[in-house]
Protein backbone atom coordinates (compact mmCIF):
# COMPACT_ATOMS: atom_id res chain seq x y z
CA MET A 1 -2.39 -94.81 -31.32
CA LYS A 2 0.89 -94.23 -29.99
CA ALA A 3 1.79 -91.13 -27.86
CA ARG A 4 3.83 -89.40 -31.01
CA ALA A 5 2.16 -90.08 -33.68
CA ALA A 6 -1.38 -89.04 -31.18
CA LEU A 7 0.82 -85.23 -29.82
CA ALA A 8 1.97 -84.92 -33.71
CA ALA A 9 -1.59 -84.70 -34.40
CA LEU A 10 -2.33 -82.17 -31.21
CA CYS A 11 0.16 -80.22 -32.46
CA LEU A 12 -1.03 -79.95 -36.58
CA LEU A 13 -4.46 -79.52 -35.73
CA ALA A 14 -6.10 -76.27 -37.76
CA SER A 15 -9.57 -75.86 -35.95
CA PRO A 16 -9.16 -77.26 -32.90
CA ALA A 17 -12.67 -76.38 -31.58
CA ARG A 18 -13.40 -79.74 -33.88
CA ALA A 19 -10.20 -81.82 -33.47
CA THR A 20 -10.69 -84.71 -31.41
CA LEU A 21 -8.09 -87.53 -30.87
CA ASP A 22 -8.13 -91.15 -28.47
CA LEU A 23 -5.07 -90.23 -26.62
CA GLU A 24 -3.88 -92.50 -24.07
CA LEU A 25 -0.72 -92.74 -22.08
CA PRO A 26 1.15 -94.46 -19.79
CA THR A 27 1.77 -93.42 -16.02
CA LEU A 28 5.29 -92.30 -15.03
CA ASP A 29 5.30 -95.28 -13.09
CA GLY A 30 4.42 -97.29 -15.29
CA ARG A 31 1.48 -98.84 -13.70
CA SER A 32 -1.87 -98.16 -15.84
CA LEU A 33 -2.83 -95.48 -18.32
CA GLN A 34 -4.42 -92.27 -19.14
CA ARG A 35 -7.25 -92.67 -22.38
CA LEU A 36 -8.33 -88.51 -23.20
CA ASN A 37 -11.93 -89.45 -24.32
CA ALA A 38 -12.84 -91.51 -21.45
CA GLN A 39 -12.33 -88.60 -19.07
CA THR A 40 -15.48 -87.08 -18.98
CA GLY A 41 -14.60 -83.51 -17.10
CA PRO A 42 -12.19 -81.07 -18.13
CA VAL A 43 -8.88 -82.09 -18.57
CA LEU A 44 -5.20 -79.73 -19.19
CA LEU A 45 -2.41 -81.80 -20.95
CA ASN A 46 0.81 -79.78 -20.83
CA VAL A 47 3.92 -81.38 -22.05
CA TRP A 48 7.29 -80.54 -20.24
CA SER A 49 11.32 -81.51 -19.92
CA ALA A 50 12.89 -80.94 -17.08
CA ASP A 51 15.77 -79.35 -18.84
CA CYS A 52 13.33 -76.99 -19.72
CA PRO A 53 13.67 -73.95 -18.40
CA PRO A 54 10.20 -72.72 -19.13
CA CYS A 55 8.33 -75.52 -18.18
CA VAL A 56 9.72 -76.21 -14.65
CA ALA A 57 9.10 -72.65 -14.53
CA GLU A 58 5.52 -73.22 -14.74
CA LEU A 59 5.42 -76.75 -12.44
CA PRO A 60 3.99 -74.81 -9.74
CA LEU A 61 1.65 -72.93 -11.94
CA LEU A 62 0.53 -76.18 -12.82
CA GLN A 63 -0.14 -77.55 -9.80
CA ALA A 64 -2.31 -74.78 -8.40
CA PHE A 65 -4.07 -74.69 -11.12
CA ALA A 66 -4.68 -78.72 -10.14
CA ARG A 67 -5.14 -77.46 -6.73
CA GLN A 68 -7.89 -75.04 -6.91
CA HIS A 69 -10.31 -76.50 -9.79
CA PRO A 70 -10.17 -79.64 -9.05
CA GLU A 71 -13.22 -80.43 -11.70
CA TRP A 72 -9.76 -80.39 -14.07
CA GLN A 73 -7.25 -83.27 -14.37
CA VAL A 74 -3.90 -81.94 -14.88
CA TRP A 75 -1.76 -84.66 -16.92
CA LEU A 76 1.90 -83.83 -16.87
CA LEU A 77 3.12 -85.06 -19.91
CA SER A 78 6.79 -85.89 -19.00
CA VAL A 79 9.16 -86.55 -23.29
CA ASP A 80 12.49 -87.37 -20.74
CA PRO A 81 13.15 -90.99 -19.99
CA PRO A 82 11.32 -92.53 -16.87
CA GLU A 83 13.49 -92.94 -14.14
CA PRO A 84 15.04 -89.00 -14.78
CA ALA A 85 11.32 -87.82 -15.32
CA ARG A 86 10.69 -89.92 -11.58
CA ALA A 87 14.13 -87.69 -10.42
CA ALA A 88 12.44 -84.53 -11.67
CA ALA A 89 8.76 -85.09 -10.94
CA ARG A 90 9.95 -85.21 -7.32
CA ARG A 91 12.59 -82.38 -7.23
CA HIS A 92 9.86 -80.04 -7.66
CA GLY A 93 7.26 -81.55 -5.35
CA LEU A 94 4.91 -82.84 -8.43
CA VAL A 95 2.06 -84.92 -6.00
CA ALA A 96 -1.61 -85.36 -6.83
CA PRO A 97 -3.27 -84.44 -7.57
CA LEU A 98 -1.73 -83.99 -10.90
CA HIS A 99 -0.89 -86.81 -13.33
CA LEU A 100 2.08 -87.69 -14.02
CA LEU A 101 2.88 -89.00 -18.10
CA ARG A 102 5.43 -90.19 -19.81
CA ALA A 103 5.20 -89.85 -23.29
CA ASP A 104 7.59 -92.76 -24.51
CA ARG A 105 11.61 -93.49 -24.26
CA SER A 106 12.16 -91.56 -27.04
CA GLY A 107 11.96 -88.22 -26.07
CA ALA A 108 13.52 -87.21 -29.12
CA GLY A 109 10.25 -88.70 -31.90
CA LEU A 110 8.08 -86.33 -29.76
CA LEU A 111 9.91 -83.16 -29.08
CA ARG A 112 10.49 -83.90 -33.51
CA SER A 113 6.73 -84.27 -33.78
CA LEU A 114 6.22 -81.07 -32.17
CA GLN A 115 7.08 -79.51 -35.72
CA GLY A 116 9.01 -76.96 -33.76
CA ARG A 117 6.62 -75.62 -31.63
CA GLY A 118 8.42 -76.20 -28.78
CA LEU A 119 8.20 -77.24 -25.19
CA PRO A 120 6.04 -76.54 -23.33
CA HIS A 121 2.92 -77.34 -24.55
CA SER A 122 0.19 -77.06 -23.54
CA ALA A 123 -3.64 -78.34 -24.66
CA GLY A 124 -7.10 -78.17 -22.72
CA TRP A 125 -9.20 -81.05 -23.27
CA ARG A 126 -13.51 -81.18 -22.80
CA GLY A 127 -15.58 -84.55 -23.69
CA GLY A 128 -12.82 -85.74 -25.97
CA GLN A 129 -12.10 -82.64 -28.45
CA LEU A 130 -9.57 -79.74 -28.41
CA CYS A 131 -10.64 -76.70 -26.86
CA ALA A 132 -7.32 -74.56 -26.33
CA ARG A 133 -3.86 -74.85 -26.64
CA HIS A 134 -0.48 -72.52 -25.92
CA THR A 135 2.61 -72.95 -26.95
CA GLY A 136 5.32 -71.41 -24.40
CA MET A 137 5.39 -70.82 -20.58
CA LEU A 138 1.84 -70.44 -19.10
CA GLN A 139 1.34 -67.09 -17.08
CA PRO A 140 -1.36 -66.92 -14.92
CA VAL A 141 -3.32 -64.57 -17.73
CA SER A 142 -2.59 -67.19 -20.55
CA LEU A 143 -3.92 -70.07 -17.78
CA GLY A 144 -7.05 -68.55 -17.50
CA HIS A 145 -7.38 -67.89 -21.14
CA LEU A 146 -7.49 -71.48 -21.58
CA LYS A 147 -9.69 -72.77 -19.25
CA ALA A 148 -12.35 -70.15 -20.11
CA ALA A 149 -11.97 -71.54 -24.08
CA CYS A 150 -13.01 -74.51 -22.21
CA ASP A 151 -15.34 -74.19 -19.24
CA GLY A 152 -17.21 -72.20 -22.75
CA GLY A 153 -16.76 -69.04 -21.49
């Protein structure tokens, strides 16, 4: 399933507790693919752009979350073209354990698929099922709520 269609489905799901999605995304370097349904533990998927101030502002929080919660995979999905996305990742010091991914060559198409929900957009997944989502800049409290919803608490 193409990333654009997959994220449109992610954003339009009416019942997150029952929603499933088989999402496969290329890494920012283009060397491999990450498949959502292949992950056994929880995944935090964050859709962002280097031109989105709230997206950039929440990057340190996401980096810290990835380090503090190694049981979680944190996927940062850029809607920017690959080279600007790589430059932004370097500029903001985004490193492992974050997984840097790209939607496709057309960030505009992905933004249209978000149906006006805007960026940043975050979703929590466990066992291939959507368990929580958040539109707008994450704060420690909202990130904690997302984590708790996916951890079952």
